[in-house]
Amino acid sequence: MSKSFSGNDLIKALRRLGFIIDHQRGSHIFLHNIEINKTIIVPNHKEIKKGTLHQILKQSNLSIEELKNLI
């Protein structure tokens, strides 16, 4: 994985998957998808750490390639 992703990139991709912004607490944005009843927390940082990115991808059932296509 050579490209780094920002919080805005992840939010943009998740919104295309049907997630909506529920609320924000500090720098963390809570996105919720009513259809699958799932909430994902995305830190609004310039660069998301590798472990955090993988955890968000795991929760949303996305691969790196799918994420790149959504952005």
N, C-alpha and C. Protein backbone atom coordinates (compact mmCIF):
# COMPACT_ATOMS: atom_id res chain seq x y z
N MET A 1 0.85 -1.16 0.00
CA MET A 1 0.00 0.00 0.00
C MET A 1 0.90 1.23 0.00
N SER A 2 0.95 1.91 -1.10
CA SER A 2 1.85 3.05 -1.21
C SER A 2 1.13 4.38 -1.00
N LYS A 3 -0.16 4.44 -1.29
CA LYS A 3 -0.89 5.70 -1.15
C LYS A 3 -1.45 5.82 0.25
N SER A 4 -1.32 7.00 0.82
CA SER A 4 -1.94 7.22 2.12
C SER A 4 -3.30 7.89 1.90
N PHE A 5 -4.20 7.66 2.83
CA PHE A 5 -5.56 8.17 2.73
C PHE A 5 -5.81 9.13 3.88
N SER A 6 -6.59 10.15 3.62
CA SER A 6 -6.96 11.09 4.67
C SER A 6 -8.35 10.71 5.19
N GLY A 7 -8.73 11.34 6.30
CA GLY A 7 -10.06 11.12 6.84
C GLY A 7 -11.13 11.55 5.86
N ASN A 8 -10.89 12.65 5.15
CA ASN A 8 -11.86 13.13 4.16
C ASN A 8 -12.03 12.13 3.02
N ASP A 9 -10.93 11.47 2.61
CA ASP A 9 -11.02 10.46 1.56
C ASP A 9 -11.92 9.30 2.00
N LEU A 10 -11.72 8.84 3.25
CA LEU A 10 -12.52 7.72 3.76
C LEU A 10 -13.99 8.11 3.90
N ILE A 11 -14.24 9.32 4.37
CA ILE A 11 -15.63 9.78 4.53
C ILE A 11 -16.32 9.86 3.17
N LYS A 12 -15.61 10.37 2.19
CA LYS A 12 -16.15 10.47 0.83
C LYS A 12 -16.52 9.08 0.29
N ALA A 13 -15.64 8.11 0.48
CA ALA A 13 -15.90 6.75 -0.01
C ALA A 13 -17.06 6.10 0.74
N LEU A 14 -17.10 6.26 2.06
CA LEU A 14 -18.17 5.64 2.85
C LEU A 14 -19.52 6.28 2.54
N ARG A 15 -19.54 7.58 2.26
CA ARG A 15 -20.80 8.22 1.90
C ARG A 15 -21.32 7.67 0.57
N ARG A 16 -20.43 7.31 -0.33
CA ARG A 16 -20.85 6.71 -1.60
C ARG A 16 -21.43 5.31 -1.39
N LEU A 17 -21.07 4.68 -0.28
CA LEU A 17 -21.61 3.36 0.04
C LEU A 17 -22.92 3.42 0.82
N GLY A 18 -23.40 4.63 1.12
CA GLY A 18 -24.67 4.78 1.81
C GLY A 18 -24.56 5.20 3.26
N PHE A 19 -23.36 5.44 3.76
CA PHE A 19 -23.19 5.92 5.12
C PHE A 19 -23.50 7.41 5.17
N ILE A 20 -24.09 7.85 6.28
CA ILE A 20 -24.35 9.27 6.48
C ILE A 20 -23.63 9.71 7.75
N ILE A 21 -23.26 10.98 7.79
CA ILE A 21 -22.58 11.51 8.96
C ILE A 21 -23.62 11.68 10.07
N ASP A 22 -23.38 10.99 11.16
CA ASP A 22 -24.29 11.03 12.30
C ASP A 22 -23.94 12.20 13.21
N HIS A 23 -22.70 12.22 13.68
CA HIS A 23 -22.24 13.32 14.52
C HIS A 23 -20.73 13.31 14.57
N GLN A 24 -20.17 14.31 15.24
CA GLN A 24 -18.73 14.42 15.37
C GLN A 24 -18.38 14.72 16.82
N ARG A 25 -17.36 14.05 17.32
CA ARG A 25 -16.87 14.30 18.67
C ARG A 25 -15.38 14.56 18.56
N GLY A 26 -14.99 15.80 18.69
CA GLY A 26 -13.59 16.17 18.51
C GLY A 26 -13.21 16.01 17.05
N SER A 27 -12.16 15.23 16.80
CA SER A 27 -11.73 15.01 15.42
C SER A 27 -12.25 13.70 14.86
N HIS A 28 -13.14 13.02 15.58
CA HIS A 28 -13.67 11.74 15.11
C HIS A 28 -15.09 11.92 14.60
N ILE A 29 -15.32 11.44 13.38
CA ILE A 29 -16.62 11.57 12.73
C ILE A 29 -17.30 10.20 12.74
N PHE A 30 -18.53 10.17 13.22
CA PHE A 30 -19.31 8.94 13.33
C PHE A 30 -20.23 8.86 12.12
N LEU A 31 -20.06 7.81 11.32
CA LEU A 31 -20.90 7.59 10.15
C LEU A 31 -21.78 6.38 10.41
N HIS A 32 -23.03 6.46 9.97
CA HIS A 32 -23.98 5.39 10.23
C HIS A 32 -24.68 4.99 8.94
N ASN A 33 -24.88 3.69 8.78
CA ASN A 33 -25.63 3.16 7.64
C ASN A 33 -26.86 2.47 8.20
N ILE A 34 -28.03 3.01 7.90
CA ILE A 34 -29.28 2.49 8.44
C ILE A 34 -29.61 1.12 7.85
N GLU A 35 -29.30 0.91 6.57
CA GLU A 35 -29.65 -0.34 5.89
C GLU A 35 -29.00 -1.55 6.54
N ILE A 36 -27.73 -1.42 6.92
CA ILE A 36 -27.02 -2.55 7.52
C ILE A 36 -26.81 -2.36 9.02
N ASN A 37 -27.35 -1.24 9.57
CA ASN A 37 -27.28 -0.93 10.99
C ASN A 37 -25.84 -1.01 11.52
N LYS A 38 -24.97 -0.23 10.90
CA LYS A 38 -23.55 -0.25 11.27
C LYS A 38 -23.05 1.18 11.43
N THR A 39 -22.24 1.40 12.45
CA THR A 39 -21.61 2.69 12.68
C THR A 39 -20.10 2.54 12.57
N ILE A 40 -19.47 3.44 11.84
CA ILE A 40 -18.02 3.44 11.67
C ILE A 40 -17.49 4.79 12.10
N ILE A 41 -16.42 4.78 12.88
CA ILE A 41 -15.80 6.01 13.37
C ILE A 41 -14.55 6.27 12.56
N VAL A 42 -14.47 7.46 11.97
CA VAL A 42 -13.34 7.84 11.13
C VAL A 42 -12.65 9.06 11.74
N PRO A 43 -11.36 8.96 12.04
CA PRO A 43 -10.65 10.15 12.52
C PRO A 43 -10.43 11.12 11.37
N ASN A 44 -10.72 12.38 11.58
CA ASN A 44 -10.58 13.39 10.54
C ASN A 44 -9.15 13.93 10.57
N HIS A 45 -8.20 13.11 10.15
CA HIS A 45 -6.79 13.47 10.14
C HIS A 45 -6.29 13.56 8.71
N LYS A 46 -5.15 14.23 8.53
CA LYS A 46 -4.58 14.37 7.18
C LYS A 46 -4.11 13.03 6.64
N GLU A 47 -3.64 12.17 7.52
CA GLU A 47 -3.19 10.84 7.10
C GLU A 47 -3.65 9.82 8.14
N ILE A 48 -4.36 8.80 7.67
CA ILE A 48 -4.86 7.74 8.54
C ILE A 48 -3.76 6.69 8.69
N LYS A 49 -3.50 6.28 9.92
CA LYS A 49 -2.48 5.27 10.17
C LYS A 49 -2.90 3.93 9.56
N LYS A 50 -1.92 3.12 9.24
CA LYS A 50 -2.14 1.86 8.53
C LYS A 50 -3.11 0.94 9.29
N GLY A 51 -2.90 0.77 10.58
CA GLY A 51 -3.76 -0.11 11.37
C GLY A 51 -5.19 0.39 11.45
N THR A 52 -5.34 1.70 11.60
CA THR A 52 -6.67 2.30 11.65
C THR A 52 -7.39 2.13 10.32
N LEU A 53 -6.66 2.35 9.24
CA LEU A 53 -7.24 2.18 7.90
C LEU A 53 -7.71 0.75 7.69
N HIS A 54 -6.90 -0.21 8.06
CA HIS A 54 -7.28 -1.61 7.87
C HIS A 54 -8.50 -1.98 8.73
N GLN A 55 -8.59 -1.42 9.92
CA GLN A 55 -9.74 -1.70 10.77
C GLN A 55 -11.02 -1.11 10.17
N ILE A 56 -10.93 0.10 9.63
CA ILE A 56 -12.10 0.73 8.99
C ILE A 56 -12.50 -0.07 7.75
N LEU A 57 -11.53 -0.52 6.97
CA LEU A 57 -11.84 -1.32 5.78
C LEU A 57 -12.48 -2.65 6.17
N LYS A 58 -12.01 -3.24 7.24
CA LYS A 58 -12.56 -4.51 7.72
C LYS A 58 -14.01 -4.33 8.16
N GLN A 59 -14.29 -3.24 8.88
CA GLN A 59 -15.65 -2.97 9.36
C GLN A 59 -16.61 -2.70 8.21
N SER A 60 -16.11 -2.07 7.15
CA SER A 60 -16.98 -1.71 6.02
C SER A 60 -16.95 -2.74 4.89
N ASN A 61 -16.21 -3.84 5.08
CA ASN A 61 -16.10 -4.91 4.08
C ASN A 61 -15.58 -4.39 2.74
N LEU A 62 -14.56 -3.55 2.78
CA LEU A 62 -13.94 -3.00 1.58
C LEU A 62 -12.50 -3.49 1.46
N SER A 63 -12.03 -3.52 0.23
CA SER A 63 -10.60 -3.78 -0.01
C SER A 63 -9.94 -2.46 -0.39
N ILE A 64 -8.62 -2.46 -0.41
CA ILE A 64 -7.88 -1.25 -0.80
C ILE A 64 -8.25 -0.83 -2.22
N GLU A 65 -8.38 -1.80 -3.12
CA GLU A 65 -8.71 -1.49 -4.52
C GLU A 65 -10.10 -0.87 -4.62
N GLU A 66 -11.07 -1.41 -3.87
CA GLU A 66 -12.41 -0.84 -3.89
C GLU A 66 -12.43 0.56 -3.33
N LEU A 67 -11.64 0.79 -2.29
CA LEU A 67 -11.53 2.13 -1.72
C LEU A 67 -10.96 3.11 -2.73
N LYS A 68 -9.91 2.70 -3.44
CA LYS A 68 -9.32 3.58 -4.45
C LYS A 68 -10.32 3.92 -5.55
N ASN A 69 -11.15 2.94 -5.94
CA ASN A 69 -12.15 3.19 -6.97
C ASN A 69 -13.25 4.14 -6.50
N LEU A 70 -13.58 4.10 -5.21
CA LEU A 70 -14.63 4.96 -4.67
C LEU A 70 -14.17 6.40 -4.52
N ILE A 71 -12.86 6.60 -4.39
CA ILE A 71 -12.33 7.95 -4.20
C ILE A 71 -12.09 8.57 -5.51
